[in-house]
Amino acid sequence: MKALLVTGTDTNVGKTVFTSTLIAYWLNYYPNQPLGLMKLMQTGFGDRELYNDLFGTHQSIEIVTPLKFTAPLAPPIAAQKEGKIVDLKTVWQAFCSLIQNKDFMIVEALGGLGSPVTDELTVADLAGEWRLNTVLVVPVQLGAIGAAVANVALARQAKINLKGIVLNCVQPTTAEEITDLTPIDLIQSLTHIPVLGVVPHFSEPHDLAKLTQVAAQYDLEVLFNKI
């Protein structure tokens, strides 16, 4: 499938920054190949607005957020506060429309793999049922190894095609700290999933040149499944 789901071990682990690096790279090197970007659903303010600021003027990208809720809470709770439901049919229709008309599609999930999408389903359930190639963003911080192991186990339980792990520096981090907190060889040994790259801390996430440069260091053949 010509789509990639970006998920993480939890909320605020760097999914949006990592996704932005992929988009910046694609628009720089493949400007004539239409790209679709879908935020699975948004609660509160933030991701969609950042994407619009960064990429809204580019003609070759279409940005879609099929469901939006005001409260920055888990979708079923945010929807309930507005007297609404989480309509996955609307999300699926938006996904199908994008994937039929774009050369590639990136889907950013919400929260972590275990985060609820509805009262019955998690992000992991959707990734498995929709058969999405998936990348897991793991923050460089204490506890990251255990979080990576637990989320990879959940991915296997949900039969997700997990392509790899990306480490993200959620705060300024030295090379030694990256090695100590998220040792790549140990994470790969415990999970049997490749670590595809490390995202440095971004003090300015609007620097498109730097975003592109960072993405060039990933294993893009695995992530894009076509390059």
N, C-alpha and C. Protein backbone atom coordinates (compact mmCIF):
# COMPACT_ATOMS: atom_id res chain seq x y z
N MET A 1 0.84 -1.20 0.00
CA MET A 1 0.00 0.00 0.00
C MET A 1 0.88 1.25 0.00
N LYS A 2 0.51 2.23 -0.78
CA LYS A 2 1.29 3.46 -0.89
C LYS A 2 0.91 4.47 0.20
N ALA A 3 0.86 4.00 1.43
CA ALA A 3 0.52 4.86 2.55
C ALA A 3 1.38 4.47 3.75
N LEU A 4 1.64 5.46 4.61
CA LEU A 4 2.43 5.22 5.81
C LEU A 4 1.71 5.87 6.99
N LEU A 5 1.48 5.09 8.03
CA LEU A 5 0.90 5.61 9.26
C LEU A 5 2.03 5.95 10.23
N VAL A 6 2.00 7.17 10.75
CA VAL A 6 2.97 7.60 11.75
C VAL A 6 2.27 7.57 13.11
N THR A 7 2.74 6.71 13.98
CA THR A 7 2.18 6.62 15.32
C THR A 7 3.32 6.72 16.33
N GLY A 8 3.00 6.63 17.61
CA GLY A 8 4.04 6.78 18.62
C GLY A 8 3.74 5.95 19.84
N THR A 9 4.60 6.08 20.82
CA THR A 9 4.39 5.35 22.08
C THR A 9 3.39 6.07 22.98
N ASP A 10 3.14 7.36 22.68
CA ASP A 10 2.23 8.15 23.51
C ASP A 10 1.98 9.47 22.81
N THR A 11 1.27 10.36 23.46
CA THR A 11 1.09 11.71 22.92
C THR A 11 2.34 12.54 23.21
N ASN A 12 2.56 13.58 22.41
CA ASN A 12 3.70 14.50 22.59
C ASN A 12 5.05 13.80 22.53
N VAL A 13 5.19 12.86 21.60
CA VAL A 13 6.48 12.17 21.44
C VAL A 13 7.19 12.60 20.16
N GLY A 14 6.55 13.47 19.36
CA GLY A 14 7.22 13.97 18.16
C GLY A 14 6.69 13.46 16.85
N LYS A 15 5.48 12.94 16.83
CA LYS A 15 4.92 12.43 15.57
C LYS A 15 4.80 13.53 14.52
N THR A 16 4.36 14.71 14.95
CA THR A 16 4.14 15.80 13.99
C THR A 16 5.46 16.31 13.42
N VAL A 17 6.48 16.43 14.25
CA VAL A 17 7.79 16.87 13.75
C VAL A 17 8.36 15.84 12.78
N PHE A 18 8.29 14.57 13.14
CA PHE A 18 8.79 13.52 12.24
C PHE A 18 8.02 13.53 10.93
N THR A 19 6.70 13.62 11.01
CA THR A 19 5.88 13.68 9.80
C THR A 19 6.27 14.88 8.94
N SER A 20 6.55 16.00 9.58
CA SER A 20 6.94 17.22 8.84
C SER A 20 8.25 17.02 8.10
N THR A 21 9.19 16.26 8.68
CA THR A 21 10.45 16.01 7.97
C THR A 21 10.20 15.20 6.70
N LEU A 22 9.31 14.22 6.78
CA LEU A 22 9.00 13.40 5.60
C LEU A 22 8.35 14.25 4.51
N ILE A 23 7.41 15.10 4.91
CA ILE A 23 6.72 15.94 3.94
C ILE A 23 7.69 16.92 3.28
N ALA A 24 8.52 17.56 4.10
CA ALA A 24 9.48 18.51 3.55
C ALA A 24 10.39 17.85 2.53
N TYR A 25 10.84 16.64 2.85
CA TYR A 25 11.70 15.90 1.91
C TYR A 25 10.96 15.60 0.61
N TRP A 26 9.74 15.10 0.75
CA TRP A 26 8.96 14.72 -0.44
C TRP A 26 8.73 15.94 -1.34
N LEU A 27 8.31 17.06 -0.76
CA LEU A 27 8.00 18.24 -1.56
C LEU A 27 9.24 18.82 -2.21
N ASN A 28 10.40 18.60 -1.60
CA ASN A 28 11.65 19.11 -2.16
C ASN A 28 12.15 18.24 -3.31
N TYR A 29 12.05 16.93 -3.14
CA TYR A 29 12.62 16.02 -4.14
C TYR A 29 11.59 15.42 -5.11
N TYR A 30 10.33 15.49 -4.77
CA TYR A 30 9.29 14.94 -5.64
C TYR A 30 8.14 15.94 -5.80
N PRO A 31 8.46 17.16 -6.23
CA PRO A 31 7.44 18.22 -6.26
C PRO A 31 6.31 17.97 -7.25
N ASN A 32 6.53 17.09 -8.21
CA ASN A 32 5.49 16.82 -9.21
C ASN A 32 4.72 15.54 -8.94
N GLN A 33 4.97 14.93 -7.78
CA GLN A 33 4.25 13.71 -7.42
C GLN A 33 3.31 14.04 -6.25
N PRO A 34 2.01 14.06 -6.51
CA PRO A 34 1.03 14.49 -5.49
C PRO A 34 1.11 13.67 -4.21
N LEU A 35 1.08 14.38 -3.09
CA LEU A 35 1.17 13.77 -1.77
C LEU A 35 -0.09 14.08 -0.98
N GLY A 36 -0.60 13.08 -0.30
CA GLY A 36 -1.74 13.28 0.59
C GLY A 36 -1.28 13.22 2.04
N LEU A 37 -1.80 14.12 2.86
CA LEU A 37 -1.51 14.12 4.30
C LEU A 37 -2.84 14.12 5.05
N MET A 38 -3.03 13.11 5.88
CA MET A 38 -4.26 13.05 6.66
C MET A 38 -3.93 12.92 8.14
N LYS A 39 -4.41 13.86 8.91
CA LYS A 39 -4.41 13.72 10.36
C LYS A 39 -5.64 12.89 10.67
N LEU A 40 -5.44 11.70 11.21
CA LEU A 40 -6.53 10.75 11.39
C LEU A 40 -7.77 11.42 11.98
N MET A 41 -7.56 12.17 13.04
CA MET A 41 -8.58 13.05 13.62
C MET A 41 -7.85 13.95 14.61
N GLN A 42 -8.40 15.13 14.84
CA GLN A 42 -7.72 16.08 15.71
C GLN A 42 -8.64 16.51 16.84
N THR A 43 -8.07 16.52 18.04
CA THR A 43 -8.76 17.07 19.19
C THR A 43 -7.94 18.24 19.70
N GLY A 44 -8.58 19.37 19.88
CA GLY A 44 -7.84 20.56 20.29
C GLY A 44 -7.20 21.25 19.11
N PHE A 45 -6.18 22.05 19.39
CA PHE A 45 -5.53 22.90 18.38
C PHE A 45 -4.07 22.50 18.24
N GLY A 46 -3.56 22.51 17.02
CA GLY A 46 -2.14 22.27 16.89
C GLY A 46 -1.64 21.69 15.59
N ASP A 47 -1.79 20.38 15.39
CA ASP A 47 -1.13 19.70 14.27
C ASP A 47 -1.58 20.21 12.91
N ARG A 48 -2.87 20.24 12.67
CA ARG A 48 -3.37 20.69 11.37
C ARG A 48 -2.91 22.13 11.09
N GLU A 49 -2.92 22.97 12.12
CA GLU A 49 -2.52 24.36 11.94
C GLU A 49 -1.03 24.47 11.58
N LEU A 50 -0.20 23.63 12.22
CA LEU A 50 1.23 23.64 11.89
C LEU A 50 1.44 23.18 10.45
N TYR A 51 0.77 22.13 10.05
CA TYR A 51 0.90 21.64 8.68
C TYR A 51 0.49 22.70 7.67
N ASN A 52 -0.59 23.42 7.96
CA ASN A 52 -1.03 24.48 7.06
C ASN A 52 0.02 25.59 6.96
N ASP A 53 0.61 25.94 8.10
CA ASP A 53 1.64 26.98 8.10
C ASP A 53 2.85 26.56 7.28
N LEU A 54 3.25 25.29 7.45
CA LEU A 54 4.45 24.80 6.79
C LEU A 54 4.25 24.52 5.30
N PHE A 55 3.13 23.90 4.97
CA PHE A 55 2.98 23.33 3.62
C PHE A 55 1.73 23.79 2.87
N GLY A 56 0.94 24.66 3.47
CA GLY A 56 -0.35 25.03 2.87
C GLY A 56 -0.26 25.69 1.52
N THR A 57 0.87 26.29 1.18
CA THR A 57 0.99 26.98 -0.11
C THR A 57 1.47 26.06 -1.23
N HIS A 58 1.87 24.84 -0.89
CA HIS A 58 2.36 23.91 -1.91
C HIS A 58 1.19 23.27 -2.66
N GLN A 59 1.26 23.33 -3.98
CA GLN A 59 0.16 22.82 -4.81
C GLN A 59 0.11 21.30 -4.85
N SER A 60 1.23 20.63 -4.57
CA SER A 60 1.29 19.18 -4.76
C SER A 60 0.90 18.39 -3.50
N ILE A 61 0.44 19.09 -2.45
CA ILE A 61 0.02 18.37 -1.25
C ILE A 61 -1.41 18.74 -0.90
N GLU A 62 -2.16 17.74 -0.49
CA GLU A 62 -3.53 17.97 0.00
C GLU A 62 -3.57 17.53 1.46
N ILE A 63 -3.99 18.44 2.32
CA ILE A 63 -4.03 18.19 3.77
C ILE A 63 -5.48 18.03 4.20
N VAL A 64 -5.77 16.90 4.84
CA VAL A 64 -7.15 16.58 5.22
C VAL A 64 -7.21 16.18 6.69
N THR A 65 -8.18 16.71 7.40
CA THR A 65 -8.48 16.27 8.76
C THR A 65 -9.98 15.98 8.80
N PRO A 66 -10.38 14.73 8.60
CA PRO A 66 -11.80 14.41 8.44
C PRO A 66 -12.65 14.67 9.68
N LEU A 67 -12.05 14.55 10.87
CA LEU A 67 -12.81 14.79 12.10
C LEU A 67 -12.02 15.73 13.01
N LYS A 68 -12.71 16.74 13.55
CA LYS A 68 -12.07 17.67 14.48
C LYS A 68 -13.00 17.93 15.66
N PHE A 69 -12.40 17.90 16.85
CA PHE A 69 -13.15 18.18 18.08
C PHE A 69 -12.40 19.24 18.87
N THR A 70 -13.13 20.04 19.61
CA THR A 70 -12.55 21.20 20.29
C THR A 70 -11.69 20.83 21.48
N ALA A 71 -12.17 19.94 22.32
CA ALA A 71 -11.45 19.62 23.56
C ALA A 71 -10.21 18.77 23.27
N PRO A 72 -9.06 19.09 23.87
CA PRO A 72 -7.83 18.31 23.67
C PRO A 72 -7.83 17.04 24.51
N LEU A 73 -8.75 16.15 24.18
CA LEU A 73 -8.94 14.91 24.94
C LEU A 73 -8.99 13.73 23.98
N ALA A 74 -9.06 12.53 24.51
CA ALA A 74 -9.23 11.35 23.67
C ALA A 74 -10.50 11.53 22.84
N PRO A 75 -10.48 11.13 21.55
CA PRO A 75 -11.61 11.39 20.67
C PRO A 75 -12.99 10.99 21.19
N PRO A 76 -13.17 9.79 21.77
CA PRO A 76 -14.53 9.46 22.24
C PRO A 76 -15.02 10.39 23.34
N ILE A 77 -14.09 10.88 24.17
CA ILE A 77 -14.47 11.80 25.24
C ILE A 77 -14.74 13.19 24.68
N ALA A 78 -13.85 13.65 23.77
CA ALA A 78 -14.04 14.96 23.15
C ALA A 78 -15.34 15.01 22.34
N ALA A 79 -15.63 13.93 21.63
CA ALA A 79 -16.87 13.87 20.84
C ALA A 79 -18.09 13.91 21.74
N GLN A 80 -18.04 13.18 22.83
CA GLN A 80 -19.18 13.14 23.76
C GLN A 80 -19.48 14.52 24.33
N LYS A 81 -18.44 15.31 24.61
CA LYS A 81 -18.64 16.65 25.14
C LYS A 81 -19.36 17.56 24.15
N GLU A 82 -19.25 17.24 22.86
CA GLU A 82 -19.92 18.05 21.83
C GLU A 82 -21.21 17.41 21.36
N GLY A 83 -21.61 16.31 22.00
CA GLY A 83 -22.83 15.63 21.58
C GLY A 83 -22.70 14.96 20.23
N LYS A 84 -21.47 14.52 19.91
CA LYS A 84 -21.21 13.90 18.61
C LYS A 84 -20.68 12.49 18.81
N ILE A 85 -20.44 11.80 17.70
CA ILE A 85 -19.81 10.49 17.72
C ILE A 85 -18.55 10.54 16.87
N VAL A 86 -17.67 9.58 17.07
CA VAL A 86 -16.49 9.44 16.22
C VAL A 86 -16.90 8.59 15.02
N ASP A 87 -17.14 9.24 13.91
CA ASP A 87 -17.66 8.58 12.71
C ASP A 87 -16.49 8.06 11.87
N LEU A 88 -16.15 6.80 12.05
CA LEU A 88 -15.02 6.23 11.31
C LEU A 88 -15.32 6.05 9.83
N LYS A 89 -16.58 6.02 9.47
CA LYS A 89 -16.93 5.93 8.04
C LYS A 89 -16.43 7.17 7.31
N THR A 90 -16.58 8.32 7.94
CA THR A 90 -16.11 9.57 7.35
C THR A 90 -14.59 9.55 7.20
N VAL A 91 -13.90 9.04 8.20
CA VAL A 91 -12.44 8.95 8.16
C VAL A 91 -11.99 8.00 7.06
N TRP A 92 -12.64 6.85 6.95
CA TRP A 92 -12.29 5.87 5.93
C TRP A 92 -12.53 6.41 4.53
N GLN A 93 -13.63 7.12 4.34
CA GLN A 93 -13.92 7.69 3.02
C GLN A 93 -12.87 8.72 2.63
N ALA A 94 -12.44 9.54 3.60
CA ALA A 94 -11.39 10.52 3.31
C ALA A 94 -10.08 9.83 2.95
N PHE A 95 -9.77 8.77 3.67
CA PHE A 95 -8.56 7.99 3.40
C PHE A 95 -8.60 7.41 1.99
N CYS A 96 -9.71 6.78 1.63
CA CYS A 96 -9.83 6.16 0.31
C CYS A 96 -9.74 7.19 -0.81
N SER A 97 -10.35 8.35 -0.61
CA SER A 97 -10.31 9.40 -1.63
C SER A 97 -8.88 9.88 -1.86
N LEU A 98 -8.14 10.07 -0.78
CA LEU A 98 -6.76 10.54 -0.92
C LEU A 98 -5.87 9.51 -1.58
N ILE A 99 -5.98 8.27 -1.13
CA ILE A 99 -5.06 7.25 -1.62
C ILE A 99 -5.30 6.92 -3.10
N GLN A 100 -6.51 7.18 -3.57
CA GLN A 100 -6.82 6.93 -4.98
C GLN A 100 -6.27 8.02 -5.89
N ASN A 101 -6.00 9.19 -5.32
CA ASN A 101 -5.63 10.34 -6.15
C ASN A 101 -4.22 10.86 -5.91
N LYS A 102 -3.47 10.21 -5.01
CA LYS A 102 -2.13 10.68 -4.70
C LYS A 102 -1.10 9.59 -4.97
N ASP A 103 0.13 10.02 -5.24
CA ASP A 103 1.21 9.06 -5.44
C ASP A 103 1.63 8.41 -4.13
N PHE A 104 1.47 9.15 -3.03
CA PHE A 104 1.79 8.60 -1.72
C PHE A 104 0.96 9.33 -0.69
N MET A 105 0.78 8.69 0.46
CA MET A 105 -0.06 9.27 1.50
C MET A 105 0.56 9.01 2.86
N ILE A 106 0.58 10.06 3.68
CA ILE A 106 1.05 9.94 5.06
C ILE A 106 -0.13 10.20 5.98
N VAL A 107 -0.32 9.30 6.94
CA VAL A 107 -1.40 9.44 7.91
C VAL A 107 -0.78 9.60 9.29
N GLU A 108 -1.09 10.71 9.96
CA GLU A 108 -0.61 10.87 11.33
C GLU A 108 -1.71 10.44 12.29
N ALA A 109 -1.35 9.51 13.16
CA ALA A 109 -2.31 9.03 14.15
C ALA A 109 -2.44 10.04 15.29
N LEU A 110 -3.14 9.65 16.33
CA LEU A 110 -3.27 10.48 17.52
C LEU A 110 -2.78 9.67 18.71
N GLY A 111 -2.13 10.36 19.65
CA GLY A 111 -1.64 9.65 20.83
C GLY A 111 -0.69 8.52 20.46
N GLY A 112 -0.82 7.39 21.17
CA GLY A 112 0.01 6.23 20.91
C GLY A 112 -0.80 5.09 20.31
N LEU A 113 -0.17 3.97 20.09
CA LEU A 113 -0.87 2.82 19.52
C LEU A 113 -2.05 2.38 20.39
N GLY A 114 -1.92 2.55 21.69
CA GLY A 114 -2.99 2.13 22.59
C GLY A 114 -4.04 3.19 22.83
N SER A 115 -3.91 4.35 22.20
CA SER A 115 -4.87 5.43 22.42
C SER A 115 -6.23 5.08 21.81
N PRO A 116 -7.32 5.42 22.50
CA PRO A 116 -8.65 5.10 21.98
C PRO A 116 -9.05 6.01 20.82
N VAL A 117 -9.62 5.39 19.80
CA VAL A 117 -10.19 6.14 18.68
C VAL A 117 -11.70 6.24 18.86
N THR A 118 -12.29 5.13 19.28
CA THR A 118 -13.71 5.09 19.64
C THR A 118 -13.80 4.39 21.01
N ASP A 119 -15.01 4.11 21.44
CA ASP A 119 -15.18 3.39 22.70
C ASP A 119 -14.71 1.94 22.60
N GLU A 120 -14.58 1.43 21.37
CA GLU A 120 -14.22 0.03 21.18
C GLU A 120 -12.87 -0.18 20.52
N LEU A 121 -12.34 0.83 19.83
CA LEU A 121 -11.15 0.63 19.01
C LEU A 121 -10.01 1.57 19.40
N THR A 122 -8.79 1.06 19.27
CA THR A 122 -7.59 1.87 19.49
C THR A 122 -6.91 2.17 18.15
N VAL A 123 -5.89 3.00 18.21
CA VAL A 123 -5.09 3.27 17.01
C VAL A 123 -4.51 1.97 16.46
N ALA A 124 -4.07 1.09 17.34
CA ALA A 124 -3.51 -0.20 16.91
C ALA A 124 -4.55 -1.02 16.15
N ASP A 125 -5.79 -1.02 16.62
CA ASP A 125 -6.85 -1.76 15.94
C ASP A 125 -7.04 -1.24 14.52
N LEU A 126 -7.08 0.09 14.37
CA LEU A 126 -7.26 0.67 13.04
C LEU A 126 -6.09 0.36 12.12
N ALA A 127 -4.87 0.49 12.64
CA ALA A 127 -3.68 0.21 11.82
C ALA A 127 -3.70 -1.22 11.33
N GLY A 128 -4.11 -2.15 12.19
CA GLY A 128 -4.18 -3.55 11.80
C GLY A 128 -5.30 -3.82 10.81
N GLU A 129 -6.49 -3.30 11.09
CA GLU A 129 -7.64 -3.56 10.22
C GLU A 129 -7.47 -2.92 8.85
N TRP A 130 -6.86 -1.74 8.81
CA TRP A 130 -6.67 -1.05 7.54
C TRP A 130 -5.38 -1.47 6.83
N ARG A 131 -4.62 -2.35 7.46
CA ARG A 131 -3.39 -2.90 6.89
C ARG A 131 -2.41 -1.82 6.47
N LEU A 132 -2.18 -0.88 7.38
CA LEU A 132 -1.32 0.24 7.08
C LEU A 132 0.14 -0.05 7.43
N ASN A 133 1.04 0.21 6.50
CA ASN A 133 2.46 0.24 6.85
C ASN A 133 2.62 1.31 7.92
N THR A 134 3.38 0.99 8.96
CA THR A 134 3.42 1.87 10.14
C THR A 134 4.84 2.10 10.61
N VAL A 135 5.10 3.31 11.09
CA VAL A 135 6.37 3.62 11.74
C VAL A 135 6.06 4.12 13.15
N LEU A 136 6.85 3.69 14.12
CA LEU A 136 6.64 4.02 15.53
C LEU A 136 7.66 5.06 15.99
N VAL A 137 7.17 6.20 16.46
CA VAL A 137 8.05 7.25 16.98
C VAL A 137 8.23 7.04 18.49
N VAL A 138 9.48 6.94 18.90
CA VAL A 138 9.82 6.71 20.30
C VAL A 138 10.63 7.90 20.81
N PRO A 139 10.19 8.57 21.88
CA PRO A 139 10.93 9.73 22.38
C PRO A 139 12.21 9.32 23.10
N VAL A 140 13.25 10.13 22.94
CA VAL A 140 14.50 9.88 23.64
C VAL A 140 14.35 10.41 25.07
N GLN A 141 14.03 9.53 25.97
CA GLN A 141 13.85 9.89 27.38
C GLN A 141 13.90 8.63 28.22
N LEU A 142 14.01 8.80 29.52
CA LEU A 142 14.04 7.66 30.43
C LEU A 142 12.75 6.87 30.29
N GLY A 143 12.86 5.56 30.16
CA GLY A 143 11.69 4.71 29.98
C GLY A 143 11.38 4.39 28.53
N ALA A 144 12.17 4.97 27.61
CA ALA A 144 11.89 4.77 26.18
C ALA A 144 12.05 3.32 25.74
N ILE A 145 13.02 2.62 26.32
CA ILE A 145 13.24 1.23 25.91
C ILE A 145 12.01 0.38 26.23
N GLY A 146 11.53 0.49 27.45
CA GLY A 146 10.35 -0.27 27.83
C GLY A 146 9.12 0.12 27.02
N ALA A 147 8.97 1.41 26.74
CA ALA A 147 7.83 1.87 25.93
C ALA A 147 7.90 1.30 24.52
N ALA A 148 9.11 1.26 23.97
CA ALA A 148 9.28 0.70 22.63
C ALA A 148 8.93 -0.78 22.60
N VAL A 149 9.43 -1.52 23.58
CA VAL A 149 9.15 -2.96 23.65
C VAL A 149 7.65 -3.21 23.79
N ALA A 150 6.97 -2.47 24.67
CA ALA A 150 5.55 -2.66 24.90
C ALA A 150 4.73 -2.33 23.67
N ASN A 151 5.08 -1.25 22.97
CA ASN A 151 4.31 -0.86 21.79
C ASN A 151 4.55 -1.78 20.60
N VAL A 152 5.75 -2.30 20.49
CA VAL A 152 6.00 -3.28 19.42
C VAL A 152 5.20 -4.56 19.69
N ALA A 153 5.12 -4.95 20.96
CA ALA A 153 4.30 -6.12 21.31
C ALA A 153 2.84 -5.88 20.95
N LEU A 154 2.34 -4.68 21.23
CA LEU A 154 0.96 -4.34 20.87
C LEU A 154 0.78 -4.36 19.36
N ALA A 155 1.77 -3.87 18.63
CA ALA A 155 1.70 -3.87 17.17
C ALA A 155 1.61 -5.30 16.63
N ARG A 156 2.38 -6.19 17.21
CA ARG A 156 2.35 -7.59 16.76
C ARG A 156 0.99 -8.22 17.09
N GLN A 157 0.47 -7.91 18.26
CA GLN A 157 -0.83 -8.45 18.65
C GLN A 157 -1.92 -8.00 17.67
N ALA A 158 -1.82 -6.76 17.20
CA ALA A 158 -2.81 -6.22 16.27
C ALA A 158 -2.48 -6.55 14.82
N LYS A 159 -1.40 -7.29 14.60
CA LYS A 159 -0.97 -7.70 13.26
C LYS A 159 -0.69 -6.50 12.36
N ILE A 160 0.03 -5.53 12.93
CA ILE A 160 0.41 -4.32 12.20
C ILE A 160 1.71 -4.56 11.45
N ASN A 161 1.78 -4.05 10.24
CA ASN A 161 3.01 -4.13 9.46
C ASN A 161 3.92 -2.99 9.89
N LEU A 162 4.65 -3.21 10.98
CA LEU A 162 5.51 -2.19 11.54
C LEU A 162 6.84 -2.17 10.78
N LYS A 163 7.06 -1.09 10.03
CA LYS A 163 8.24 -1.00 9.17
C LYS A 163 9.50 -0.63 9.94
N GLY A 164 9.34 0.11 11.03
CA GLY A 164 10.52 0.52 11.77
C GLY A 164 10.19 1.46 12.90
N ILE A 165 11.24 1.80 13.63
CA ILE A 165 11.17 2.73 14.76
C ILE A 165 12.01 3.95 14.42
N VAL A 166 11.52 5.11 14.81
CA VAL A 166 12.29 6.35 14.70
C VAL A 166 12.39 6.97 16.08
N LEU A 167 13.59 7.35 16.47
CA LEU A 167 13.81 7.98 17.77
C LEU A 167 13.70 9.49 17.61
N ASN A 168 13.04 10.14 18.56
CA ASN A 168 12.84 11.58 18.47
C ASN A 168 13.32 12.28 19.74
N CYS A 169 14.17 13.29 19.57
CA CYS A 169 14.66 14.07 20.70
C CYS A 169 13.63 15.14 21.05
N VAL A 170 12.84 14.88 22.06
CA VAL A 170 11.77 15.80 22.44
C VAL A 170 12.31 17.04 23.14
N GLN A 171 13.57 17.03 23.53
CA GLN A 171 14.24 18.17 24.13
C GLN A 171 15.70 18.13 23.71
N PRO A 172 16.45 19.23 23.90
CA PRO A 172 17.88 19.20 23.52
C PRO A 172 18.59 18.02 24.16
N THR A 173 19.28 17.25 23.33
CA THR A 173 19.85 15.98 23.78
C THR A 173 21.23 15.78 23.18
N THR A 174 22.18 15.34 23.98
CA THR A 174 23.52 15.06 23.48
C THR A 174 23.57 13.67 22.86
N ALA A 175 24.62 13.43 22.10
CA ALA A 175 24.81 12.11 21.50
C ALA A 175 24.94 11.03 22.58
N GLU A 176 25.60 11.38 23.67
CA GLU A 176 25.76 10.42 24.77
C GLU A 176 24.41 10.09 25.40
N GLU A 177 23.57 11.09 25.57
CA GLU A 177 22.24 10.86 26.15
C GLU A 177 21.39 9.98 25.24
N ILE A 178 21.49 10.20 23.94
CA ILE A 178 20.75 9.35 22.99
C ILE A 178 21.20 7.90 23.13
N THR A 179 22.51 7.71 23.21
CA THR A 179 23.05 6.35 23.36
C THR A 179 22.63 5.71 24.68
N ASP A 180 22.62 6.49 25.75
CA ASP A 180 22.28 5.94 27.07
C ASP A 180 20.78 5.68 27.22
N LEU A 181 19.95 6.60 26.73
CA LEU A 181 18.51 6.50 26.94
C LEU A 181 17.82 5.62 25.89
N THR A 182 18.34 5.62 24.68
CA THR A 182 17.72 4.83 23.60
C THR A 182 18.80 4.12 22.78
N PRO A 183 19.52 3.18 23.38
CA PRO A 183 20.57 2.46 22.65
C PRO A 183 19.99 1.67 21.49
N ILE A 184 20.40 2.01 20.30
CA ILE A 184 19.79 1.45 19.10
C ILE A 184 19.94 -0.08 19.04
N ASP A 185 21.14 -0.56 19.30
CA ASP A 185 21.35 -2.02 19.22
C ASP A 185 20.46 -2.77 20.21
N LEU A 186 20.30 -2.25 21.41
CA LEU A 186 19.48 -2.91 22.41
C LEU A 186 18.00 -2.88 22.03
N ILE A 187 17.53 -1.75 21.53
CA ILE A 187 16.12 -1.65 21.11
C ILE A 187 15.85 -2.61 19.96
N GLN A 188 16.78 -2.68 19.02
CA GLN A 188 16.59 -3.60 17.89
C GLN A 188 16.65 -5.05 18.34
N SER A 189 17.51 -5.34 19.28
CA SER A 189 17.64 -6.70 19.79
C SER A 189 16.38 -7.14 20.53
N LEU A 190 15.80 -6.23 21.30
CA LEU A 190 14.61 -6.57 22.09
C LEU A 190 13.34 -6.62 21.27
N THR A 191 13.26 -5.79 20.23
CA THR A 191 12.01 -5.68 19.45
C THR A 191 12.06 -6.41 18.12
N HIS A 192 13.26 -6.65 17.61
CA HIS A 192 13.44 -7.22 16.27
C HIS A 192 12.82 -6.32 15.20
N ILE A 193 12.87 -5.03 15.46
CA ILE A 193 12.40 -4.02 14.52
C ILE A 193 13.54 -3.04 14.28
N PRO A 194 13.82 -2.67 13.03
CA PRO A 194 14.94 -1.76 12.77
C PRO A 194 14.66 -0.33 13.23
N VAL A 195 15.69 0.33 13.74
CA VAL A 195 15.62 1.76 14.04
C VAL A 195 16.08 2.49 12.77
N LEU A 196 15.18 3.29 12.20
CA LEU A 196 15.41 3.88 10.88
C LEU A 196 16.05 5.25 10.91
N GLY A 197 16.13 5.85 12.10
CA GLY A 197 16.74 7.17 12.16
C GLY A 197 16.48 7.84 13.49
N VAL A 198 17.13 8.99 13.67
CA VAL A 198 16.98 9.80 14.88
C VAL A 198 16.61 11.22 14.47
N VAL A 199 15.55 11.75 15.06
CA VAL A 199 15.13 13.13 14.80
C VAL A 199 15.73 14.01 15.88
N PRO A 200 16.56 15.01 15.52
CA PRO A 200 17.13 15.90 16.54
C PRO A 200 16.06 16.84 17.09
N HIS A 201 16.37 17.48 18.18
CA HIS A 201 15.44 18.46 18.75
C HIS A 201 15.33 19.66 17.82
N PHE A 202 14.11 20.09 17.54
CA PHE A 202 13.86 21.27 16.71
C PHE A 202 13.40 22.42 17.58
N SER A 203 14.24 23.44 17.69
CA SER A 203 13.79 24.64 18.39
C SER A 203 12.91 25.49 17.48
N GLU A 204 13.08 25.29 16.16
CA GLU A 204 12.28 26.01 15.17
C GLU A 204 11.75 25.02 14.14
N PRO A 205 10.53 24.51 14.34
CA PRO A 205 10.00 23.47 13.43
C PRO A 205 9.59 24.00 12.07
N HIS A 206 9.78 25.30 11.81
CA HIS A 206 9.39 25.87 10.53
C HIS A 206 10.57 25.95 9.55
N ASP A 207 11.71 25.41 9.92
CA ASP A 207 12.89 25.45 9.06
C ASP A 207 12.81 24.28 8.07
N LEU A 208 12.26 24.56 6.89
CA LEU A 208 12.03 23.49 5.90
C LEU A 208 13.33 22.87 5.42
N ALA A 209 14.36 23.66 5.29
CA ALA A 209 15.65 23.12 4.83
C ALA A 209 16.20 22.11 5.83
N LYS A 210 16.09 22.43 7.12
CA LYS A 210 16.59 21.51 8.14
C LYS A 210 15.71 20.27 8.22
N LEU A 211 14.41 20.44 8.10
CA LEU A 211 13.50 19.30 8.10
C LEU A 211 13.86 18.33 6.98
N THR A 212 14.13 18.88 5.80
CA THR A 212 14.49 18.06 4.64
C THR A 212 15.82 17.35 4.87
N GLN A 213 16.77 18.08 5.42
CA GLN A 213 18.09 17.51 5.69
C GLN A 213 18.02 16.35 6.67
N VAL A 214 17.20 16.49 7.69
CA VAL A 214 17.05 15.41 8.68
C VAL A 214 16.44 14.18 8.04
N ALA A 215 15.41 14.37 7.22
CA ALA A 215 14.74 13.23 6.59
C ALA A 215 15.68 12.45 5.67
N ALA A 216 16.63 13.13 5.07
CA ALA A 216 17.56 12.48 4.15
C ALA A 216 18.41 11.43 4.85
N GLN A 217 18.46 11.48 6.19
CA GLN A 217 19.27 10.52 6.95
C GLN A 217 18.49 9.26 7.32
N TYR A 218 17.17 9.25 7.09
CA TYR A 218 16.38 8.06 7.39
C TYR A 218 16.59 7.00 6.32
N ASP A 219 16.10 5.80 6.62
CA ASP A 219 16.04 4.75 5.60
C ASP A 219 14.76 4.97 4.81
N LEU A 220 14.81 5.86 3.82
CA LEU A 220 13.61 6.29 3.11
C LEU A 220 13.02 5.20 2.23
N GLU A 221 13.86 4.28 1.77
CA GLU A 221 13.34 3.20 0.95
C GLU A 221 12.33 2.36 1.73
N VAL A 222 12.59 2.16 3.00
CA VAL A 222 11.68 1.42 3.86
C VAL A 222 10.42 2.25 4.15
N LEU A 223 10.59 3.52 4.43
CA LEU A 223 9.47 4.36 4.83
C LEU A 223 8.52 4.65 3.66
N PHE A 224 9.08 5.05 2.52
CA PHE A 224 8.23 5.41 1.40
C PHE A 224 7.82 4.21 0.55
N ASN A 225 8.54 3.11 0.69
CA ASN A 225 8.18 1.87 0.00
C ASN A 225 8.11 2.05 -1.51
N LYS A 226 8.91 2.98 -2.04
CA LYS A 226 8.87 3.19 -3.47
C LYS A 226 10.15 3.86 -4.01
N ILE A 227 10.92 4.51 -3.12
CA ILE A 227 12.05 5.28 -3.61
C ILE A 227 13.25 4.38 -3.84
